[in-house]
Amino acid sequence: MKPFRFALERLLKLRGIREREQARTLGDALRGERDQRALLQRADAGLARAGEQVDGAGSGPQPAGAVRNLRLPLQAAALAADQAARSHQESVESVAREQARFGAARRDKRVLEKLRERRRAGWTADRSREEQRETDGLNNARRRSDGEDA
């Protein structure tokens, strides 16, 4: 009997390649999100430090220009924190998109793997039946030849 051959084997290999590429892309997105989260934490810490400096400098009466100058670093830190928060949110959304794409690629590959498993099981059952028929035919031929010899 012919060896098992899955007609869609090439497509299955391509789906495997796609799944690996998507896993790599997902890993990149996760690293990007982690990096953006670290930047956000640093920006929040910088904002807190700038706020502490403004609060610490306000112990006594100060001219309006000095207060304005003290608030400039605070405003810059707040803008940096807002930008870091937006970047982090974009990276979180990117991770969600890549997870969905990876799930779809994984599902596509798994469908073909299950189909291959079912076809192999059918092929194995057919092969077993064919071998049984051959064995039965040989046994019947042997019995007939033994009966003719007796």
C-alpha atoms as a PDB file:
ATOM      1  CA  MET A   1       0.000   0.000   0.000  1.00  0.00           C
ATOM      2  CA  LYS A   2       1.126   3.544  -0.654  1.00  0.00           C
ATOM      3  CA  PRO A   3       2.614   5.513   2.234  1.00  0.00           C
ATOM      4  CA  PHE A   4       0.390   8.178   3.813  1.00  0.00           C
ATOM      5  CA  ARG A   5       0.445  11.447   1.927  1.00  0.00           C
ATOM      6  CA  PHE A   6      -1.447  14.536   3.086  1.00  0.00           C
ATOM      7  CA  ALA A   7      -2.369  16.624   0.050  1.00  0.00           C
ATOM      8  CA  LEU A   8      -2.415  19.842   2.065  1.00  0.00           C
ATOM      9  CA  GLU A   9       1.005  19.310   3.672  1.00  0.00           C
ATOM     10  CA  ARG A  10       2.526  22.305   1.902  1.00  0.00           C
ATOM     11  CA  LEU A  11      -0.315  24.552   3.059  1.00  0.00           C
ATOM     12  CA  LEU A  12       0.155  23.216   6.596  1.00  0.00           C
ATOM     13  CA  LYS A  13       3.858  24.113   6.455  1.00  0.00           C
ATOM     14  CA  LEU A  14       3.010  27.607   5.210  1.00  0.00           C
ATOM     15  CA  ARG A  15       0.523  28.009   8.046  1.00  0.00           C
ATOM     16  CA  GLY A  16       3.236  26.914  10.480  1.00  0.00           C
ATOM     17  CA  ILE A  17       5.583  29.547   9.077  1.00  0.00           C
ATOM     18  CA  ARG A  18       2.850  32.160   9.380  1.00  0.00           C
ATOM     19  CA  GLU A  19       2.186  31.138  12.980  1.00  0.00           C
ATOM     20  CA  ARG A  20       5.894  31.441  13.880  1.00  0.00           C
ATOM     21  CA  GLU A  21       6.139  34.844  12.202  1.00  0.00           C
ATOM     22  CA  GLN A  22       3.044  36.029  14.035  1.00  0.00           C
ATOM     23  CA  ALA A  23       4.468  34.735  17.329  1.00  0.00           C
ATOM     24  CA  ARG A  24       7.624  36.737  16.634  1.00  0.00           C
ATOM     25  CA  THR A  25       5.558  39.852  15.889  1.00  0.00           C
ATOM     26  CA  LEU A  26       3.562  39.318  19.077  1.00  0.00           C
ATOM     27  CA  GLY A  27       6.804  39.015  21.040  1.00  0.00           C
ATOM     28  CA  ASP A  28       8.012  42.294  19.546  1.00  0.00           C
ATOM     29  CA  ALA A  29       4.718  43.971  20.476  1.00  0.00           C
ATOM     30  CA  LEU A  30       4.969  42.638  24.039  1.00  0.00           C
ATOM     31  CA  ARG A  31       8.533  43.943  24.356  1.00  0.00           C
ATOM     32  CA  GLY A  32       7.400  47.306  22.990  1.00  0.00           C
ATOM     33  CA  GLU A  33       4.564  47.448  25.510  1.00  0.00           C
ATOM     34  CA  ARG A  34       6.960  46.600  28.333  1.00  0.00           C
ATOM     35  CA  ASP A  35       9.333  49.345  27.196  1.00  0.00           C
ATOM     36  CA  GLN A  36       6.488  51.863  26.918  1.00  0.00           C
ATOM     37  CA  ARG A  37       5.280  50.894  30.393  1.00  0.00           C
ATOM     38  CA  ALA A  38       8.787  51.559  31.760  1.00  0.00           C
ATOM     39  CA  LEU A  39       8.863  54.941  30.014  1.00  0.00           C
ATOM     40  CA  LEU A  40       5.446  55.762  31.466  1.00  0.00           C
ATOM     41  CA  GLN A  41       6.636  54.878  34.964  1.00  0.00           C
ATOM     42  CA  ARG A  42       9.716  57.072  34.527  1.00  0.00           C
ATOM     43  CA  ALA A  43       7.578  59.956  33.203  1.00  0.00           C
ATOM     44  CA  ASP A  44       5.189  59.604  36.154  1.00  0.00           C
ATOM     45  CA  ALA A  45       8.143  59.608  38.547  1.00  0.00           C
ATOM     46  CA  GLY A  46       9.523  62.721  36.829  1.00  0.00           C
ATOM     47  CA  LEU A  47       6.139  64.408  37.164  1.00  0.00           C
ATOM     48  CA  ALA A  48       6.029  63.548  40.857  1.00  0.00           C
ATOM     49  CA  ARG A  49       9.555  64.936  41.364  1.00  0.00           C
ATOM     50  CA  ALA A  50       8.648  68.157  39.509  1.00  0.00           C
ATOM     51  CA  GLY A  51       5.539  68.494  41.683  1.00  0.00           C
ATOM     52  CA  GLU A  52       7.617  68.023  44.833  1.00  0.00           C
ATOM     53  CA  GLN A  53      10.055  70.702  43.685  1.00  0.00           C
ATOM     54  CA  VAL A  54       7.241  73.177  43.064  1.00  0.00           C
ATOM     55  CA  ASP A  55       5.678  72.384  46.435  1.00  0.00           C
ATOM     56  CA  GLY A  56       9.027  72.633  48.241  1.00  0.00           C
ATOM     57  CA  ALA A  57       9.837  75.994  46.718  1.00  0.00           C
ATOM     58  CA  GLY A  58       6.534  77.509  47.770  1.00  0.00           C
ATOM     59  CA  SER A  59       7.397  77.842  51.500  1.00  0.00           C
ATOM     60  CA  GLY A  60       7.399  81.604  51.433  1.00  0.00           C
ATOM     61  CA  PRO A  61       6.124  84.433  49.287  1.00  0.00           C
ATOM     62  CA  GLN A  62       7.701  84.491  45.825  1.00  0.00           C
ATOM     63  CA  PRO A  63       7.386  86.799  42.852  1.00  0.00           C
ATOM     64  CA  ALA A  64       4.943  85.722  40.127  1.00  0.00           C
ATOM     65  CA  GLY A  65       7.737  85.257  37.587  1.00  0.00           C
ATOM     66  CA  ALA A  66       9.548  82.834  39.892  1.00  0.00           C
ATOM     67  CA  VAL A  67       6.377  80.816  40.440  1.00  0.00           C
ATOM     68  CA  ARG A  68       5.811  80.727  36.692  1.00  0.00           C
ATOM     69  CA  ASN A  69       9.384  79.558  36.133  1.00  0.00           C
ATOM     70  CA  LEU A  70       8.927  76.817  38.758  1.00  0.00           C
ATOM     71  CA  ARG A  71       5.784  75.578  37.004  1.00  0.00           C
ATOM     72  CA  LEU A  72       7.454  75.281  33.570  1.00  0.00           C
ATOM     73  CA  PRO A  73       9.302  72.033  34.442  1.00  0.00           C
ATOM     74  CA  LEU A  74       6.075  70.740  36.000  1.00  0.00           C
ATOM     75  CA  GLN A  75       4.156  71.458  32.802  1.00  0.00           C
ATOM     76  CA  ALA A  76       6.874  69.844  30.701  1.00  0.00           C
ATOM     77  CA  ALA A  77       6.813  66.767  32.937  1.00  0.00           C
ATOM     78  CA  ALA A  78       3.014  66.627  32.699  1.00  0.00           C
ATOM     79  CA  LEU A  79       3.200  66.788  28.884  1.00  0.00           C
ATOM     80  CA  ALA A  80       5.847  64.052  28.857  1.00  0.00           C
ATOM     81  CA  ALA A  81       3.681  61.888  31.140  1.00  0.00           C
ATOM     82  CA  ASP A  82       0.636  62.413  28.899  1.00  0.00           C
ATOM     83  CA  GLN A  83       2.627  61.477  25.813  1.00  0.00           C
ATOM     84  CA  ALA A  84       4.044  58.411  27.563  1.00  0.00           C
ATOM     85  CA  ALA A  85       0.517  57.385  28.604  1.00  0.00           C
ATOM     86  CA  ARG A  86      -0.721  57.713  25.014  1.00  0.00           C
ATOM     87  CA  SER A  87       2.236  55.734  23.684  1.00  0.00           C
ATOM     88  CA  HIS A  88       1.680  53.037  26.275  1.00  0.00           C
ATOM     89  CA  GLN A  89      -2.016  52.823  25.396  1.00  0.00           C
ATOM     90  CA  GLU A  90      -1.121  52.472  21.709  1.00  0.00           C
ATOM     91  CA  SER A  91       1.311  49.682  22.546  1.00  0.00           C
ATOM     92  CA  VAL A  92      -1.366  47.904  24.620  1.00  0.00           C
ATOM     93  CA  GLU A  93      -3.737  48.110  21.657  1.00  0.00           C
ATOM     94  CA  SER A  94      -0.994  46.814  19.375  1.00  0.00           C
ATOM     95  CA  VAL A  95      -0.468  43.832  21.679  1.00  0.00           C
ATOM     96  CA  ALA A  96      -4.202  43.091  21.596  1.00  0.00           C
ATOM     97  CA  ARG A  97      -4.222  43.209  17.767  1.00  0.00           C
ATOM     98  CA  GLU A  98      -1.175  40.965  17.514  1.00  0.00           C
ATOM     99  CA  GLN A  99      -2.642  38.493  20.016  1.00  0.00           C
ATOM    100  CA  ALA A 100      -5.787  38.265  17.885  1.00  0.00           C
ATOM    101  CA  ARG A 101      -3.702  37.726  14.730  1.00  0.00           C
ATOM    102  CA  PHE A 102      -1.584  35.094  16.471  1.00  0.00           C
ATOM    103  CA  GLY A 103      -4.737  33.335  17.684  1.00  0.00           C
ATOM    104  CA  ALA A 104      -6.133  33.290  14.146  1.00  0.00           C
ATOM    105  CA  ALA A 105      -2.853  31.965  12.706  1.00  0.00           C
ATOM    106  CA  ARG A 106      -2.699  29.300  15.396  1.00  0.00           C
ATOM    107  CA  ARG A 107      -6.333  28.309  14.791  1.00  0.00           C
ATOM    108  CA  ASP A 108      -5.760  28.083  11.015  1.00  0.00           C
ATOM    109  CA  LYS A 109      -2.820  25.768  11.519  1.00  0.00           C
ATOM    110  CA  ARG A 110      -4.640  23.647  14.076  1.00  0.00           C
ATOM    111  CA  VAL A 111      -7.561  23.093  11.688  1.00  0.00           C
ATOM    112  CA  LEU A 112      -5.201  21.620   9.113  1.00  0.00           C
ATOM    113  CA  GLU A 113      -3.440  19.510  11.756  1.00  0.00           C
ATOM    114  CA  LYS A 114      -6.761  18.026  12.848  1.00  0.00           C
ATOM    115  CA  LEU A 115      -7.696  17.329   9.237  1.00  0.00           C
ATOM    116  CA  ARG A 116      -4.355  15.589   8.699  1.00  0.00           C
ATOM    117  CA  GLU A 117      -4.881  13.517  11.867  1.00  0.00           C
ATOM    118  CA  ARG A 118      -8.354  12.436  10.710  1.00  0.00           C
ATOM    119  CA  ARG A 119      -7.105  11.537   7.248  1.00  0.00           C
ATOM    120  CA  ARG A 120      -4.186   9.598   8.710  1.00  0.00           C
ATOM    121  CA  ALA A 121      -6.586   7.696  10.983  1.00  0.00           C
ATOM    122  CA  GLY A 122      -8.766   6.869   7.966  1.00  0.00           C
ATOM    123  CA  TRP A 123      -5.726   5.815   5.958  1.00  0.00           C
ATOM    124  CA  THR A 124      -4.522   3.629   8.838  1.00  0.00           C
ATOM    125  CA  ALA A 125      -7.940   1.976   9.117  1.00  0.00           C
ATOM    126  CA  ASP A 126      -8.041   1.354   5.348  1.00  0.00           C
ATOM    127  CA  ARG A 127      -4.536  -0.068   5.461  1.00  0.00           C
ATOM    128  CA  SER A 128      -5.448  -2.390   8.330  1.00  0.00           C
ATOM    129  CA  ARG A 129      -8.550  -3.622   6.461  1.00  0.00           C
ATOM    130  CA  GLU A 130      -6.497  -4.219   3.310  1.00  0.00           C
ATOM    131  CA  GLU A 131      -3.838  -6.110   5.259  1.00  0.00           C
ATOM    132  CA  GLN A 132      -6.559  -8.173   6.941  1.00  0.00           C
ATOM    133  CA  ARG A 133      -8.086  -9.014   3.547  1.00  0.00           C
ATOM    134  CA  GLU A 134      -4.655 -10.087   2.256  1.00  0.00           C
ATOM    135  CA  THR A 135      -4.061 -12.204   5.361  1.00  0.00           C
ATOM    136  CA  ASP A 136      -7.542 -13.770   5.067  1.00  0.00           C
ATOM    137  CA  GLY A 137      -6.932 -14.471   1.381  1.00  0.00           C
ATOM    138  CA  LEU A 138      -3.613 -16.150   2.156  1.00  0.00           C
ATOM    139  CA  ASN A 139      -5.206 -18.219   4.926  1.00  0.00           C
ATOM    140  CA  ASN A 140      -8.070 -19.290   2.642  1.00  0.00           C
ATOM    141  CA  ALA A 141      -5.610 -20.230  -0.094  1.00  0.00           C
ATOM    142  CA  ARG A 142      -3.538 -22.235   2.406  1.00  0.00           C
ATOM    143  CA  ARG A 143      -6.630 -24.063   3.708  1.00  0.00           C
ATOM    144  CA  ARG A 144      -7.715 -24.883   0.189  1.00  0.00           C
ATOM    145  CA  SER A 145      -4.275 -26.141  -0.745  1.00  0.00           C
ATOM    146  CA  ASP A 146      -4.095 -28.139   2.532  1.00  0.00           C
ATOM    147  CA  GLY A 147      -7.537 -29.599   1.797  1.00  0.00           C
ATOM    148  CA  GLU A 148      -6.525 -30.595  -1.745  1.00  0.00           C
ATOM    149  CA  ASP A 149      -3.337 -32.248  -0.507  1.00  0.00           C
ATOM    150  CA  ALA A 150      -5.165 -34.410   2.022  1.00  0.00           C
END
